[in-house]
Amino acid sequence: MDTHGITDTVDELTRQNLDECQPLLPPEETCDEESDCPDSILKPKYAKMPYSKRPSPTVLIIAFAIYATAIIAWSLMSINVLINLVCQREYGSESDSTSNLISILAAPIVENPTLCQTPLVQKKTARFQIVMETVQSLVAMATVTRLGELSDRIGRKPLLLWCGVCTVLNALIWLPCVLFGWHYYTLVAGSFFMGLSGSVPMLMAMNHSYATDVVRSKHRAKVFGYMHGAIFAGAALGPFAVGRITRNWGIVAAMGFSLSLQMVFLGIIFFLVPESRSKLKRKYSTHFKRVQSQTRLAAASSRNNSGVFAEDTSRDPTKNNTRVSIVEEASRSTPSLRNPDFSGNHEEKKSWLKKTATAVKEHFESLTILSFSNRSKATRINAWIILSIDAFMYCSQVGVVGLLVLYSGFRFKWGTEQTGNMISIMGLSKVLAVMLLMPVVMNILNRVFVTRLNHIDMTDLFVIRLGMVVNCLGWFGVATATSGTVFLIAVASMSLSSTASPTLQSALVKYIDRKDTGRLLGALALLHHICSLSAPIVFTSIYTLTVDTRPELCFYIVSVIFALMGTATLFISHPSDDE
């Protein structure tokens, strides 16, 4: 492998003193970090760019709100469409299945006939949902970390477009199943494409990366909050709009509405959102990645030949105070690359199984930070309790909330309009809780309790415990509701506990060093993907086993677990008792 071109390019970039913190414009043309820039929310190096080329988080937030509206509306419709697809496959004849399905889906008000709300259809629908969610989660777990790394080398905008394109491909696979009577097993291909994109978590990560590139540090938290608010706004607006469209024109028109919003998102990203990462930085990251790969290959070849790292002085722990340049790494690795080992000694080569195990280990290596090994025993217990609560709250969101649509249709005979109203109420409650209620409550509590930077404080504990109590009572109300009105009240009250989720992550950040913040958040994202794989399987399996007799049993279980989580918070040591 020839590395002269790479080394020359790195030399050129090094001579240019390229650095991640170097402004894109000359220093005399930029404003100071703390001074009043033309656009004070942006970093100085972006402030005096032409408006047409200036990266704007505002445009991205608007585009993301449109995407969230489309994807949440589609998620709601997909459950009801899947119920009808399974129903037609079970009860409809092969000859007229397509015409019957179109008539059911195009019905202006009642698109879920009583025949489809039976335990058999519920079981088959829930089981197939497990299959789709498993495929999506497995593919996402394999791709999401790679996509995040790739965005450093090719830019954020291509990855944003990739997420949008995969979502559109998923929608285009659903349409033939509805319009032409394809078997619903075809929908697994759509789940595969959604997994390739990383779904909403990956798009949110790209949004955060884009904002981190261009937004000044003191404004990032506010911009991140607006991005989360865009999700909740989409959760409130999307189902409401879909319910009205379904009532007037049928669910096929609602699917077209969601697909058109996805196309609008792609158009905004392609035409109106500039790339946030400069060409030089992308080029630098690309060659840095190549040199790292070549260094690892050279090290492996050195182990095969001599068994020691005789030449790899950058790995010498006694020389950590000396920063080895990329060019030195490339130069040191070049001789080994020019003289590869063709000895054919297969015993020294790694087997396929060992390579796979190594790749899996590297993939999940980021989770090691969640051990909090550098803290005291009492502090680790505190962090693990908080981590467990955060993980289960996410599990309840991805594993049980989807069952609310199935359960409400089975118990109260609701269709897309009614379930759309329910999801809209949930989204509106979360918007009120996160953007209005939480700032007021936190402001009051910070005046009453002492704020701590390195340990969980009483303000955090109060919000977390309140969230556990509200969740416990809310899910208990969902399980015991005998009417649609009581059911909606329970769902709305339960959504008010969404203030606990950001508080939990904020508390976890206090237990690590500042330099490891990104690593911790990345580990939490990977943990959430694991939850998105396991939680739907567990809770949906419980629902399919009990839908004949006690369909509300899974909600009782969730309520009990939240009660146990609330009890566990009593074992979190007081901040004054920590190290």
Protein backbone atom coordinates (compact mmCIF):
# COMPACT_ATOMS: atom_id res chain seq x y z
CA MET A 1 0.00 0.00 0.00
CA ASP A 2 1.44 3.35 -1.02
CA THR A 3 1.38 6.00 1.68
CA HIS A 4 3.45 8.73 -0.01
CA GLY A 5 0.35 10.58 -1.19
CA ILE A 6 -1.21 10.44 2.23
CA THR A 7 1.98 11.59 3.95
CA ASP A 8 2.41 14.46 1.51
CA THR A 9 -1.17 15.58 2.09
CA VAL A 10 -0.72 15.43 5.84
CA ASP A 11 2.52 17.41 5.48
CA GLU A 12 0.61 20.04 3.53
CA LEU A 13 -2.13 20.22 6.13
CA THR A 14 0.43 20.36 8.93
CA ARG A 15 2.23 23.25 7.22
CA GLN A 16 -1.09 25.06 7.08
CA ASN A 17 -1.34 24.60 10.86
CA LEU A 18 -4.77 23.11 10.41
CA ASP A 19 -6.49 22.61 13.73
CA GLU A 20 -10.03 21.83 14.84
CA CYS A 21 -10.13 25.17 16.62
CA GLN A 22 -8.68 27.24 13.74
CA PRO A 23 -11.15 29.81 12.31
CA LEU A 24 -12.20 29.45 8.71
CA LEU A 25 -11.62 33.18 8.20
CA PRO A 26 -8.43 35.09 9.02
CA PRO A 27 -8.25 36.30 12.63
CA GLU A 28 -8.54 39.94 11.69
CA GLU A 29 -11.86 39.29 9.95
CA THR A 30 -13.49 37.52 12.87
CA CYS A 31 -14.84 38.86 16.10
CA ASP A 32 -13.77 37.84 19.56
CA GLU A 33 -15.54 34.89 21.22
CA GLU A 34 -17.03 37.07 23.93
CA SER A 35 -17.75 40.14 21.83
CA ASP A 36 -20.99 40.96 20.11
CA CYS A 37 -20.87 39.15 16.78
CA PRO A 38 -23.30 39.80 13.93
CA ASP A 39 -24.98 36.54 14.91
CA SER A 40 -24.01 36.06 18.55
CA ILE A 41 -25.27 32.50 18.78
CA LEU A 42 -22.68 31.30 16.22
CA LYS A 43 -18.97 30.82 16.70
CA PRO A 44 -16.89 33.81 15.55
CA LYS A 45 -15.51 32.01 12.51
CA TYR A 46 -19.02 31.64 11.10
CA ALA A 47 -20.37 35.04 12.13
CA LYS A 48 -19.15 37.04 9.12
CA MET A 49 -19.80 34.43 6.48
CA PRO A 50 -22.28 35.36 3.73
CA TYR A 51 -25.79 34.59 4.90
CA SER A 52 -26.36 32.09 2.09
CA LYS A 53 -23.31 30.07 3.18
CA ARG A 54 -23.63 30.54 6.93
CA PRO A 55 -24.63 27.36 8.83
CA SER A 56 -27.84 28.05 10.75
CA PRO A 57 -29.16 25.86 13.57
CA THR A 58 -32.50 27.65 13.23
CA VAL A 59 -33.13 26.25 9.75
CA LEU A 60 -32.05 22.81 10.95
CA ILE A 61 -34.45 22.94 13.90
CA ILE A 62 -37.33 23.88 11.57
CA ALA A 63 -36.41 21.01 9.25
CA PHE A 64 -36.15 18.61 12.18
CA ALA A 65 -39.57 19.68 13.48
CA ILE A 66 -41.03 18.85 10.05
CA TYR A 67 -39.25 15.50 10.06
CA ALA A 68 -40.44 14.70 13.60
CA THR A 69 -44.01 15.55 12.60
CA ALA A 70 -43.78 13.22 9.61
CA ILE A 71 -42.06 10.30 11.32
CA ILE A 72 -44.25 10.30 14.44
CA ALA A 73 -47.38 10.58 12.31
CA TRP A 74 -46.12 7.68 10.21
CA SER A 75 -45.39 5.59 13.31
CA LEU A 76 -48.96 6.07 14.48
CA MET A 77 -50.46 5.21 11.09
CA SER A 78 -48.21 2.21 10.61
CA ILE A 79 -49.67 0.43 13.62
CA ASN A 80 -53.25 0.81 12.41
CA VAL A 81 -52.28 -0.06 8.83
CA LEU A 82 -50.45 -3.15 10.05
CA ILE A 83 -53.53 -4.23 12.02
CA ASN A 84 -55.60 -4.02 8.83
CA LEU A 85 -52.95 -5.79 6.76
CA VAL A 86 -52.87 -8.67 9.23
CA CYS A 87 -56.67 -8.67 9.43
CA GLN A 88 -57.04 -8.92 5.66
CA ARG A 89 -54.46 -11.69 5.51
CA GLU A 90 -56.31 -13.66 8.19
CA TYR A 91 -59.96 -13.09 7.26
CA GLY A 92 -59.95 -11.78 3.68
CA SER A 93 -59.93 -14.02 0.64
CA GLU A 94 -57.01 -13.93 -1.76
CA SER A 95 -59.21 -12.81 -4.65
CA ASP A 96 -60.61 -9.68 -3.12
CA SER A 97 -58.01 -8.87 -0.47
CA THR A 98 -56.71 -5.83 -2.30
CA SER A 99 -60.10 -4.24 -2.93
CA ASN A 100 -61.26 -4.94 0.62
CA LEU A 101 -58.09 -3.48 2.06
CA ILE A 102 -58.39 -0.31 0.01
CA SER A 103 -62.01 0.09 1.08
CA ILE A 104 -61.09 -0.36 4.72
CA LEU A 105 -58.13 2.02 4.60
CA ALA A 106 -60.00 4.64 2.61
CA ALA A 107 -63.01 4.65 4.92
CA PRO A 108 -63.52 8.23 6.12
CA ILE A 109 -64.20 7.46 9.80
CA VAL A 110 -64.07 3.77 10.71
CA GLU A 111 -60.95 2.20 9.22
CA ASN A 112 -60.69 -0.49 11.93
CA PRO A 113 -63.76 -2.74 11.76
CA THR A 114 -64.69 -4.82 14.78
CA LEU A 115 -63.48 -7.95 13.02
CA CYS A 116 -59.89 -6.69 13.16
CA GLN A 117 -59.95 -5.90 16.88
CA THR A 118 -59.68 -9.50 18.04
CA PRO A 119 -57.08 -11.26 20.20
CA LEU A 120 -55.81 -13.25 17.20
CA VAL A 121 -55.09 -10.14 15.13
CA GLN A 122 -53.59 -8.38 18.15
CA LYS A 123 -51.22 -11.29 18.76
CA LYS A 124 -50.07 -11.54 15.16
CA THR A 125 -49.64 -7.77 14.91
CA ALA A 126 -47.63 -7.56 18.12
CA ARG A 127 -45.41 -10.48 17.12
CA PHE A 128 -44.66 -8.99 13.73
CA GLN A 129 -43.85 -5.69 15.42
CA ILE A 130 -41.24 -7.56 17.44
CA VAL A 131 -39.69 -8.83 14.20
CA MET A 132 -39.57 -5.38 12.61
CA GLU A 133 -38.20 -3.67 15.72
CA THR A 134 -35.58 -6.39 16.18
CA VAL A 135 -34.35 -6.03 12.60
CA GLN A 136 -34.25 -2.25 12.87
CA SER A 137 -32.44 -2.27 16.23
CA LEU A 138 -29.84 -4.85 15.19
CA VAL A 139 -28.98 -2.98 12.00
CA ALA A 140 -28.93 0.35 13.85
CA MET A 141 -26.59 -0.98 16.54
CA ALA A 142 -24.17 -2.08 13.83
CA THR A 143 -24.28 1.17 11.85
CA VAL A 144 -24.90 4.06 14.25
CA THR A 145 -21.35 4.27 15.64
CA ARG A 146 -19.88 4.00 12.13
CA LEU A 147 -22.17 6.71 10.79
CA GLY A 148 -21.20 9.06 13.61
CA GLU A 149 -17.51 8.56 12.84
CA LEU A 150 -18.16 8.92 9.11
CA SER A 151 -19.77 12.33 9.62
CA ASP A 152 -16.39 13.71 10.73
CA ARG A 153 -14.87 12.74 7.39
CA ILE A 154 -17.62 13.51 4.87
CA GLY A 155 -19.63 16.11 6.81
CA ARG A 156 -22.91 16.33 8.70
CA LYS A 157 -25.11 17.23 5.74
CA PRO A 158 -24.62 13.95 3.80
CA LEU A 159 -25.57 11.98 6.91
CA LEU A 160 -28.67 14.12 7.45
CA LEU A 161 -29.66 13.42 3.85
CA TRP A 162 -28.93 9.71 4.31
CA CYS A 163 -31.30 9.54 7.29
CA GLY A 164 -34.03 11.26 5.29
CA VAL A 165 -33.55 9.06 2.21
CA CYS A 166 -33.76 5.85 4.26
CA THR A 167 -36.98 7.09 5.85
CA VAL A 168 -38.48 7.76 2.42
CA LEU A 169 -37.44 4.29 1.21
CA ASN A 170 -39.22 2.79 4.21
CA ALA A 171 -42.39 4.71 3.30
CA LEU A 172 -42.17 3.61 -0.33
CA ILE A 173 -42.11 -0.03 0.80
CA TRP A 174 -45.28 0.43 2.85
CA LEU A 175 -47.29 1.92 -0.01
CA PRO A 176 -47.31 -1.18 -2.30
CA CYS A 177 -48.47 -3.30 0.63
CA VAL A 178 -51.48 -1.01 0.99
CA LEU A 179 -52.20 -0.25 -2.67
CA PHE A 180 -51.37 -3.58 -4.30
CA GLY A 181 -51.92 -6.11 -1.53
CA TRP A 182 -48.31 -7.19 -1.02
CA HIS A 183 -47.74 -9.47 1.97
CA TYR A 184 -46.99 -7.57 5.14
CA TYR A 185 -43.74 -9.57 5.54
CA THR A 186 -42.35 -7.17 2.92
CA LEU A 187 -42.32 -4.46 5.60
CA VAL A 188 -39.22 -6.06 7.13
CA ALA A 189 -37.26 -4.48 4.26
CA GLY A 190 -38.49 -1.08 5.43
CA SER A 191 -37.25 -1.82 8.94
CA PHE A 192 -33.87 -2.70 7.44
CA PHE A 193 -33.64 0.72 5.76
CA MET A 194 -34.68 2.47 8.97
CA GLY A 195 -31.91 0.60 10.76
CA LEU A 196 -29.38 1.69 8.14
CA SER A 197 -30.28 5.31 8.86
CA GLY A 198 -30.02 4.90 12.64
CA SER A 199 -33.57 6.24 12.85
CA VAL A 200 -34.43 9.23 15.08
CA PRO A 201 -31.53 8.73 17.57
CA MET A 202 -28.99 9.00 14.75
CA LEU A 203 -30.67 12.06 13.29
CA MET A 204 -30.70 13.68 16.72
CA ALA A 205 -26.99 12.90 17.12
CA MET A 206 -26.29 14.55 13.76
CA ASN A 207 -28.30 17.60 14.82
CA HIS A 208 -26.27 17.84 18.03
CA SER A 209 -23.03 17.47 16.05
CA TYR A 210 -24.11 20.18 13.62
CA ALA A 211 -24.96 22.52 16.49
CA THR A 212 -21.69 21.72 18.26
CA ASP A 213 -19.79 22.66 15.09
CA VAL A 214 -21.33 26.12 14.72
CA VAL A 215 -22.90 27.24 18.02
CA ARG A 216 -20.96 28.93 20.80
CA SER A 217 -20.64 26.80 23.92
CA LYS A 218 -22.78 28.95 26.18
CA HIS A 219 -25.72 28.70 23.75
CA ARG A 220 -25.54 24.97 23.04
CA ALA A 221 -27.79 23.85 25.88
CA LYS A 222 -30.51 26.20 24.67
CA VAL A 223 -30.20 24.97 21.08
CA PHE A 224 -30.27 21.34 22.24
CA GLY A 225 -33.42 22.12 24.19
CA TYR A 226 -35.06 23.55 21.08
CA MET A 227 -34.18 20.35 19.21
CA HIS A 228 -35.85 18.22 21.87
CA GLY A 229 -38.79 20.60 21.79
CA ALA A 230 -39.03 19.99 18.03
CA ILE A 231 -39.55 16.27 18.72
CA PHE A 232 -42.29 16.92 21.25
CA ALA A 233 -43.93 19.47 18.94
CA GLY A 234 -43.91 16.89 16.17
CA ALA A 235 -45.44 14.37 18.57
CA ALA A 236 -48.24 16.83 19.26
CA LEU A 237 -48.86 18.11 15.72
CA GLY A 238 -48.29 15.00 13.60
CA PRO A 239 -50.89 12.64 15.10
CA PHE A 240 -53.44 15.48 15.35
CA ALA A 241 -53.07 16.30 11.64
CA VAL A 242 -53.16 12.64 10.66
CA GLY A 243 -56.34 12.08 12.64
CA ARG A 244 -58.11 14.91 10.85
CA ILE A 245 -56.87 13.84 7.41
CA THR A 246 -57.90 10.24 8.07
CA ARG A 247 -61.39 11.29 9.11
CA ASN A 248 -61.94 13.36 5.97
CA TRP A 249 -59.98 11.57 3.23
CA GLY A 250 -58.83 8.21 4.58
CA ILE A 251 -55.58 6.82 5.86
CA VAL A 252 -54.02 6.54 2.39
CA ALA A 253 -54.19 10.32 2.11
CA ALA A 254 -52.63 10.58 5.57
CA MET A 255 -49.75 8.38 4.43
CA GLY A 256 -49.26 10.68 1.46
CA PHE A 257 -49.22 13.67 3.81
CA SER A 258 -46.46 12.12 5.92
CA LEU A 259 -44.43 11.15 2.86
CA SER A 260 -44.68 14.67 1.46
CA LEU A 261 -43.35 16.11 4.74
CA GLN A 262 -40.39 13.74 4.52
CA MET A 263 -39.67 15.04 1.01
CA VAL A 264 -39.91 18.62 2.30
CA PHE A 265 -37.32 17.76 4.95
CA LEU A 266 -34.96 16.43 2.28
CA GLY A 267 -35.47 19.56 0.20
CA ILE A 268 -34.70 21.89 3.11
CA ILE A 269 -31.55 19.97 4.04
CA PHE A 270 -30.32 19.80 0.44
CA PHE A 271 -31.01 23.41 -0.59
CA LEU A 272 -31.07 25.50 2.61
CA VAL A 273 -28.74 23.86 5.16
CA PRO A 274 -25.01 24.54 4.49
CA GLU A 275 -22.37 22.06 5.61
CA SER A 276 -21.11 22.85 9.11
CA ARG A 277 -17.75 21.12 8.78
CA SER A 278 -15.20 22.78 6.49
CA LYS A 279 -13.57 20.97 3.59
CA LEU A 280 -10.13 21.18 5.19
CA LYS A 281 -11.36 19.69 8.45
CA ARG A 282 -13.05 16.85 6.61
CA LYS A 283 -9.87 16.23 4.61
CA TYR A 284 -7.81 16.32 7.78
CA SER A 285 -10.13 13.83 9.53
CA THR A 286 -10.02 11.51 6.51
CA HIS A 287 -6.23 11.35 6.42
CA PHE A 288 -5.99 11.13 10.18
CA LYS A 289 -8.26 8.08 10.04
CA ARG A 290 -6.15 6.52 7.29
CA VAL A 291 -2.93 7.06 9.19
CA GLN A 292 -4.46 5.53 12.30
CA SER A 293 -5.50 2.47 10.30
CA GLN A 294 -2.03 2.16 8.78
CA THR A 295 -0.43 2.45 12.19
CA ARG A 296 -2.58 -0.38 13.50
CA LEU A 297 -1.65 -2.51 10.46
CA ALA A 298 2.03 -1.76 10.99
CA ALA A 299 1.73 -2.66 14.67
CA ALA A 300 0.06 -5.96 13.79
CA SER A 301 2.82 -6.73 11.28
CA SER A 302 5.43 -5.86 13.91
CA ARG A 303 3.84 -8.29 16.35
CA ASN A 304 3.93 -11.04 13.72
CA ASN A 305 7.60 -10.41 12.93
CA SER A 306 9.16 -9.60 16.29
CA GLY A 307 6.46 -9.79 18.93
CA VAL A 308 7.40 -6.38 20.35
CA PHE A 309 6.66 -2.78 19.49
CA ALA A 310 10.27 -1.90 18.91
CA GLU A 311 9.53 1.01 16.60
CA ASP A 312 6.17 2.18 17.93
CA THR A 313 7.48 4.71 20.43
CA SER A 314 4.14 6.47 20.62
CA ARG A 315 2.91 3.55 22.71
CA ASP A 316 5.74 3.93 25.24
CA PRO A 317 4.09 5.09 28.50
CA THR A 318 7.31 6.87 29.54
CA LYS A 319 6.95 9.23 26.57
CA ASN A 320 3.38 10.36 27.08
CA ASN A 321 4.59 13.90 27.55
CA THR A 322 5.68 14.04 23.91
CA ARG A 323 2.96 14.41 21.29
CA VAL A 324 3.78 12.29 18.23
CA SER A 325 2.65 13.92 15.02
CA ILE A 326 0.56 12.25 12.36
CA VAL A 327 3.41 12.49 9.86
CA GLU A 328 5.79 10.67 12.22
CA GLU A 329 3.21 7.92 12.73
CA ALA A 330 2.76 7.55 8.97
CA SER A 331 6.50 7.55 8.31
CA ARG A 332 7.10 4.98 11.02
CA SER A 333 4.39 2.70 9.68
CA THR A 334 5.42 2.97 6.01
CA PRO A 335 8.36 0.49 5.98
CA SER A 336 6.21 -2.27 7.45
CA LEU A 337 3.53 -1.61 4.85
CA ARG A 338 6.05 -1.84 2.03
CA ASN A 339 7.31 -5.19 3.32
CA PRO A 340 4.24 -7.13 4.38
CA ASP A 341 4.51 -10.58 5.87
CA PHE A 342 3.70 -13.27 3.30
CA SER A 343 5.08 -16.12 5.36
CA GLY A 344 1.78 -17.95 5.21
CA ASN A 345 1.95 -18.93 8.87
CA HIS A 346 -1.77 -19.48 9.40
CA GLU A 347 -1.35 -20.34 13.07
CA GLU A 348 -0.36 -16.76 13.84
CA LYS A 349 -3.28 -15.27 11.91
CA LYS A 350 -6.49 -14.48 13.74
CA SER A 351 -9.39 -16.71 13.02
CA TRP A 352 -12.64 -15.29 11.68
CA LEU A 353 -14.31 -15.89 15.02
CA LYS A 354 -11.59 -14.08 16.93
CA LYS A 355 -11.76 -11.13 14.55
CA THR A 356 -15.51 -10.96 15.01
CA ALA A 357 -15.15 -11.09 18.79
CA THR A 358 -12.57 -8.31 18.66
CA ALA A 359 -14.84 -6.15 16.50
CA VAL A 360 -17.77 -6.68 18.87
CA LYS A 361 -15.57 -5.85 21.86
CA GLU A 362 -14.40 -2.62 20.23
CA HIS A 363 -17.99 -1.77 19.31
CA PHE A 364 -19.18 -2.03 22.92
CA GLU A 365 -15.99 -0.72 24.50
CA SER A 366 -17.56 2.69 25.08
CA LEU A 367 -19.86 1.14 27.70
CA THR A 368 -16.91 0.72 30.07
CA ILE A 369 -17.28 4.32 31.18
CA LEU A 370 -20.59 3.37 32.79
CA SER A 371 -18.69 1.42 35.45
CA PHE A 372 -17.53 4.73 37.03
CA SER A 373 -14.48 2.83 38.25
CA ASN A 374 -12.57 5.95 39.29
CA ARG A 375 -15.14 6.92 41.92
CA SER A 376 -15.83 5.70 45.44
CA LYS A 377 -18.16 2.78 46.16
CA ALA A 378 -20.97 5.03 47.45
CA THR A 379 -20.71 7.27 44.40
CA ARG A 380 -20.74 4.29 42.03
CA ILE A 381 -23.92 2.98 43.68
CA ASN A 382 -25.53 6.40 43.22
CA ALA A 383 -24.52 6.50 39.56
CA TRP A 384 -25.71 2.94 38.88
CA ILE A 385 -29.11 3.64 40.43
CA ILE A 386 -29.49 6.76 38.29
CA LEU A 387 -28.30 4.85 35.22
CA SER A 388 -30.82 2.06 35.85
CA ILE A 389 -33.67 4.55 36.17
CA ASP A 390 -32.64 6.32 32.96
CA ALA A 391 -32.39 3.02 31.06
CA PHE A 392 -35.78 1.82 32.22
CA MET A 393 -37.45 5.14 31.42
CA TYR A 394 -36.18 4.78 27.87
CA CYS A 395 -37.32 1.15 27.80
CA SER A 396 -40.81 2.24 28.80
CA GLN A 397 -40.86 4.80 25.98
CA VAL A 398 -39.81 2.43 23.19
CA GLY A 399 -41.30 -0.78 24.55
CA VAL A 400 -44.63 0.13 26.10
CA VAL A 401 -45.83 3.39 24.56
CA GLY A 402 -46.30 1.62 21.22
CA LEU A 403 -48.57 -0.89 22.96
CA LEU A 404 -50.85 1.97 24.02
CA VAL A 405 -52.06 2.24 20.42
CA LEU A 406 -52.76 -1.49 20.20
CA TYR A 407 -54.40 -1.58 23.63
CA SER A 408 -56.59 1.49 23.06
CA GLY A 409 -57.85 0.06 19.76
CA PHE A 410 -58.58 -3.30 21.37
CA ARG A 411 -60.12 -1.98 24.61
CA PHE A 412 -61.95 1.15 23.43
CA LYS A 413 -62.26 0.38 19.68
CA TRP A 414 -60.30 3.49 18.75
CA GLY A 415 -59.13 4.21 15.21
CA THR A 416 -56.42 6.46 13.83
CA GLU A 417 -58.23 9.69 14.74
CA GLN A 418 -58.69 8.78 18.40
CA THR A 419 -55.21 7.33 18.83
CA GLY A 420 -53.84 10.38 17.03
CA ASN A 421 -55.52 12.61 19.60
CA MET A 422 -53.98 10.48 22.35
CA ILE A 423 -50.44 10.79 20.96
CA SER A 424 -50.98 14.53 20.43
CA ILE A 425 -52.01 14.93 24.06
CA MET A 426 -48.89 13.05 25.12
CA GLY A 427 -46.67 15.28 22.98
CA LEU A 428 -48.36 18.47 24.15
CA SER A 429 -47.99 17.41 27.78
CA LYS A 430 -44.27 16.80 27.25
CA VAL A 431 -43.83 20.19 25.58
CA LEU A 432 -45.53 21.90 28.52
CA ALA A 433 -43.49 19.89 31.03
CA VAL A 434 -40.06 20.37 29.44
CA MET A 435 -40.32 23.91 28.05
CA LEU A 436 -42.64 25.59 30.58
CA LEU A 437 -42.98 23.62 33.80
CA MET A 438 -39.40 22.40 34.18
CA PRO A 439 -37.65 25.83 34.03
CA VAL A 440 -40.03 27.23 36.67
CA VAL A 441 -39.65 24.25 39.01
CA MET A 442 -35.87 24.13 38.63
CA ASN A 443 -35.60 27.86 39.31
CA ILE A 444 -37.58 27.50 42.54
CA LEU A 445 -35.69 24.41 43.71
CA ASN A 446 -32.30 25.96 43.00
CA ARG A 447 -33.22 28.77 45.37
CA VAL A 448 -34.19 26.31 48.10
CA PHE A 449 -31.42 23.70 47.77
CA VAL A 450 -27.68 23.98 47.26
CA THR A 451 -26.53 23.22 43.71
CA ARG A 452 -23.60 20.80 43.45
CA LEU A 453 -21.40 20.39 40.39
CA ASN A 454 -19.73 17.04 41.16
CA HIS A 455 -22.52 15.14 42.92
CA ILE A 456 -26.25 14.70 42.65
CA ASP A 457 -28.03 17.35 44.69
CA MET A 458 -31.43 17.61 46.34
CA THR A 459 -32.88 19.44 43.34
CA ASP A 460 -32.06 16.49 41.10
CA LEU A 461 -33.39 14.00 43.65
CA PHE A 462 -36.66 15.90 44.03
CA VAL A 463 -37.32 15.98 40.27
CA ILE A 464 -36.33 12.31 39.82
CA ARG A 465 -38.47 11.08 42.72
CA LEU A 466 -41.41 13.16 41.55
CA GLY A 467 -41.03 11.67 38.07
CA MET A 468 -41.06 8.12 39.47
CA VAL A 469 -44.22 8.80 41.50
CA VAL A 470 -46.00 10.37 38.52
CA ASN A 471 -44.97 7.50 36.24
CA CYS A 472 -46.11 4.89 38.76
CA LEU A 473 -49.53 6.49 39.23
CA GLY A 474 -49.88 7.26 35.51
CA TRP A 475 -49.26 3.70 34.33
CA PHE A 476 -51.51 2.38 37.10
CA GLY A 477 -54.23 4.71 35.82
CA VAL A 478 -53.69 3.46 32.27
CA ALA A 479 -54.08 -0.14 33.43
CA THR A 480 -57.24 0.49 35.46
CA ALA A 481 -58.98 2.95 33.09
CA THR A 482 -62.50 1.82 32.21
CA SER A 483 -63.32 4.66 29.81
CA GLY A 484 -61.51 6.57 27.12
CA THR A 485 -61.65 9.82 29.10
CA VAL A 486 -59.95 8.33 32.16
CA PHE A 487 -57.42 6.69 29.87
CA LEU A 488 -56.52 10.04 28.26
CA ILE A 489 -56.19 11.73 31.67
CA ALA A 490 -53.81 8.99 32.84
CA VAL A 491 -51.73 9.26 29.66
CA ALA A 492 -51.50 13.05 29.93
CA SER A 493 -50.48 12.99 33.60
CA MET A 494 -47.89 10.30 32.91
CA SER A 495 -46.31 12.45 30.18
CA LEU A 496 -45.65 15.23 32.69
CA SER A 497 -42.89 13.04 34.14
CA SER A 498 -40.73 13.73 31.07
CA THR A 499 -38.85 16.30 33.18
CA ALA A 500 -37.09 13.40 34.90
CA SER A 501 -35.25 12.20 31.78
CA PRO A 502 -33.02 15.27 31.17
CA THR A 503 -32.46 15.54 34.92
CA LEU A 504 -31.19 11.96 35.05
CA GLN A 505 -28.68 12.54 32.25
CA SER A 506 -27.60 15.83 33.80
CA ALA A 507 -27.00 14.04 37.12
CA LEU A 508 -24.93 11.31 35.43
CA VAL A 509 -22.65 13.89 33.83
CA LYS A 510 -21.73 15.10 37.32
CA TYR A 511 -20.04 11.78 38.08
CA ILE A 512 -17.44 11.95 35.31
CA ASP A 513 -14.66 14.28 34.24
CA ARG A 514 -15.58 17.07 31.87
CA LYS A 515 -13.32 15.64 29.16
CA ASP A 516 -15.37 12.41 29.15
CA THR A 517 -18.77 14.06 28.67
CA GLY A 518 -19.02 13.14 25.01
CA ARG A 519 -17.90 9.60 25.72
CA LEU A 520 -20.57 9.22 28.40
CA LEU A 521 -23.34 10.53 26.15
CA GLY A 522 -22.18 8.20 23.38
CA ALA A 523 -22.29 5.26 25.78
CA LEU A 524 -25.81 6.26 26.85
CA ALA A 525 -26.88 6.40 23.19
CA LEU A 526 -25.53 2.87 22.64
CA LEU A 527 -27.26 1.70 25.83
CA HIS A 528 -30.53 3.19 24.56
CA HIS A 529 -30.14 1.26 21.30
CA ILE A 530 -29.72 -1.92 23.32
CA CYS A 531 -32.89 -1.01 25.21
CA SER A 532 -34.72 -0.38 21.94
CA LEU A 533 -33.82 -3.94 20.94
CA SER A 534 -34.73 -5.74 24.16
CA ALA A 535 -37.63 -3.73 25.61
CA PRO A 536 -40.13 -4.19 22.73
CA ILE A 537 -39.44 -7.93 22.68
CA VAL A 538 -40.08 -8.31 26.42
CA PHE A 539 -43.19 -6.16 26.75
CA THR A 540 -44.75 -7.15 23.44
CA SER A 541 -44.28 -10.82 24.34
CA ILE A 542 -46.08 -10.22 27.62
CA TYR A 543 -48.89 -8.46 25.76
CA THR A 544 -49.31 -11.26 23.22
CA LEU A 545 -49.46 -13.88 25.98
CA THR A 546 -52.05 -12.02 28.06
CA VAL A 547 -54.20 -10.19 25.47
CA ASP A 548 -56.88 -12.91 25.70
CA THR A 549 -57.36 -12.57 29.45
CA ARG A 550 -55.52 -9.56 30.95
CA PRO A 551 -54.30 -7.22 28.18
CA GLU A 552 -53.53 -4.52 30.76
CA LEU A 553 -51.06 -6.73 32.68
CA CYS A 554 -47.95 -5.23 31.07
CA PHE A 555 -49.00 -1.76 32.27
CA TYR A 556 -49.34 -3.06 35.82
CA ILE A 557 -45.82 -4.46 35.54
CA VAL A 558 -44.45 -1.11 34.36
CA SER A 559 -46.20 0.65 37.24
CA VAL A 560 -44.66 -1.75 39.77
CA ILE A 561 -41.17 -1.31 38.28
CA PHE A 562 -41.45 2.48 38.51
CA ALA A 563 -42.50 2.06 42.15
CA LEU A 564 -39.37 -0.01 42.73
CA MET A 565 -37.27 2.62 40.96
CA GLY A 566 -38.75 5.30 43.19
CA THR A 567 -37.90 3.18 46.22
CA ALA A 568 -34.34 2.75 44.91
CA THR A 569 -33.86 6.53 44.92
CA LEU A 570 -34.16 6.39 48.72
CA PHE A 571 -30.85 4.50 48.74
CA ILE A 572 -29.03 7.29 46.91
CA SER A 573 -26.69 8.73 49.50
CA HIS A 574 -27.13 12.34 50.49
CA PRO A 575 -24.74 14.70 48.69
CA SER A 576 -23.04 15.54 51.97
CA ASP A 577 -22.16 11.87 52.41
CA ASP A 578 -20.42 11.55 49.06
CA GLU A 579 -16.73 11.84 48.50
